[in-house]
Amino acid sequence: MKTVTGNSSVIGVLIGGACIFIIVFGMKYAASTLSPILLAVVIAISVDPLINWLELKGLSSGLALLVTLIMLFLVTVRSCWITSPALVSCWRSSPRPRWHF
């Protein structure tokens, strides 16, 4: 078999560039779907060690999941509780648009 290395490397670079282009623009158009999925993956990876630790301490897997979900909910509520005064203050101090028709 006879192969030409010069043309195959150029074709490989072109195909690789086309693949990257398709992937980037595909992710741009699918961002509304991919964002929640990626957030769910990050949260699942983050809480997995806690679930495993609770199971090692003797809790059943369902109860460990329930405890983890309650803790995640409480952390979310507490974060909103802490940041809400700052957000309200920022909103109140922001300039209001004046509509002149």
Protein backbone atom coordinates (compact mmCIF):
# COMPACT_ATOMS: atom_id res chain seq x y z
CA MET A 1 0.00 0.00 0.00
CA LYS A 2 1.14 3.44 -0.87
CA THR A 3 0.08 6.41 1.24
CA VAL A 4 0.81 10.07 0.82
CA THR A 5 1.54 11.60 4.21
CA GLY A 6 1.40 15.23 3.12
CA ASN A 7 -2.22 15.17 1.94
CA SER A 8 -3.49 13.00 4.80
CA SER A 9 -2.22 15.38 7.49
CA VAL A 10 -3.88 18.36 5.78
CA ILE A 11 -7.13 16.43 5.42
CA GLY A 12 -6.91 15.39 9.08
CA VAL A 13 -6.50 19.01 10.19
CA LEU A 14 -9.43 20.11 8.03
CA ILE A 15 -11.66 17.34 9.36
CA GLY A 16 -10.61 18.12 12.94
CA GLY A 17 -11.36 21.81 12.42
CA ALA A 18 -14.76 21.01 10.92
CA CYS A 19 -15.57 18.76 13.88
CA ILE A 20 -14.64 21.47 16.37
CA PHE A 21 -16.71 24.01 14.44
CA ILE A 22 -19.76 21.73 14.43
CA ILE A 23 -19.40 20.91 18.13
CA VAL A 24 -19.00 24.56 19.20
CA PHE A 25 -21.99 25.81 17.21
CA GLY A 26 -24.05 22.78 18.17
CA MET A 27 -23.40 23.53 21.84
CA LYS A 28 -24.34 27.17 21.27
CA TYR A 29 -27.72 26.23 19.85
CA ALA A 30 -28.30 23.52 22.46
CA ALA A 31 -27.27 25.72 25.42
CA SER A 32 -30.81 26.00 26.75
CA THR A 33 -30.89 22.21 27.04
CA LEU A 34 -27.27 21.58 28.01
CA SER A 35 -27.09 24.11 30.87
CA PRO A 36 -29.59 22.38 33.19
CA ILE A 37 -28.12 18.99 32.36
CA LEU A 38 -24.59 20.13 33.16
CA LEU A 39 -25.80 21.80 36.38
CA ALA A 40 -27.47 18.54 37.41
CA VAL A 41 -24.26 16.62 36.70
CA VAL A 42 -22.19 19.05 38.79
CA ILE A 43 -24.65 18.83 41.71
CA ALA A 44 -24.78 15.03 41.49
CA ILE A 45 -21.00 14.75 41.50
CA SER A 46 -20.78 17.20 44.39
CA VAL A 47 -23.22 15.41 46.70
CA ASP A 48 -22.16 11.84 45.87
CA PRO A 49 -19.40 11.73 48.53
CA LEU A 50 -21.90 12.85 51.19
CA ILE A 51 -24.36 10.11 50.18
CA ASN A 52 -21.57 7.51 50.24
CA TRP A 53 -20.41 8.71 53.67
CA LEU A 54 -23.94 8.54 55.08
CA GLU A 55 -24.32 5.01 53.70
CA LEU A 56 -21.03 4.02 55.36
CA LYS A 57 -22.41 5.37 58.65
CA GLY A 58 -25.30 2.90 58.36
CA LEU A 59 -28.12 4.81 56.67
CA SER A 60 -29.99 3.15 53.84
CA SER A 61 -29.43 4.59 50.38
CA GLY A 62 -32.92 6.11 50.25
CA LEU A 63 -32.56 7.75 53.64
CA ALA A 64 -29.07 9.02 52.76
CA LEU A 65 -30.49 10.56 49.58
CA LEU A 66 -33.35 12.16 51.53
CA VAL A 67 -30.98 13.64 54.12
CA THR A 68 -28.73 14.95 51.35
CA LEU A 69 -31.66 16.55 49.49
CA ILE A 70 -32.89 18.22 52.69
CA MET A 71 -29.40 19.55 53.38
CA LEU A 72 -29.07 20.82 49.81
CA PHE A 73 -32.45 22.55 50.11
CA LEU A 74 -31.46 24.17 53.42
CA VAL A 75 -28.16 25.39 51.99
CA THR A 76 -29.99 26.90 49.01
CA VAL A 77 -32.56 28.62 51.23
CA ARG A 78 -29.83 29.94 53.53
CA SER A 79 -27.84 31.28 50.57
CA CYS A 80 -30.90 33.11 49.29
CA TRP A 81 -31.61 34.43 52.77
CA ILE A 82 -28.07 35.79 53.09
CA THR A 83 -27.86 37.37 49.65
CA SER A 84 -31.37 38.81 49.40
CA PRO A 85 -30.71 42.00 51.44
CA ALA A 86 -27.76 42.87 49.25
CA LEU A 87 -29.77 42.24 46.09
CA VAL A 88 -32.68 44.35 47.33
CA SER A 89 -30.30 47.15 48.28
CA CYS A 90 -28.65 47.02 44.86
CA TRP A 91 -32.03 47.03 43.15
CA ARG A 92 -33.26 50.01 45.18
CA SER A 93 -30.11 52.03 44.51
CA SER A 94 -30.09 51.36 40.79
CA PRO A 95 -31.24 54.20 38.55
CA ARG A 96 -34.75 53.94 37.21
CA PRO A 97 -35.39 54.44 33.52
CA ARG A 98 -37.45 57.47 32.61
CA TRP A 99 -39.66 56.83 29.66
CA HIS A 100 -40.37 59.94 27.63
CA PHE A 101 -42.70 59.42 24.74
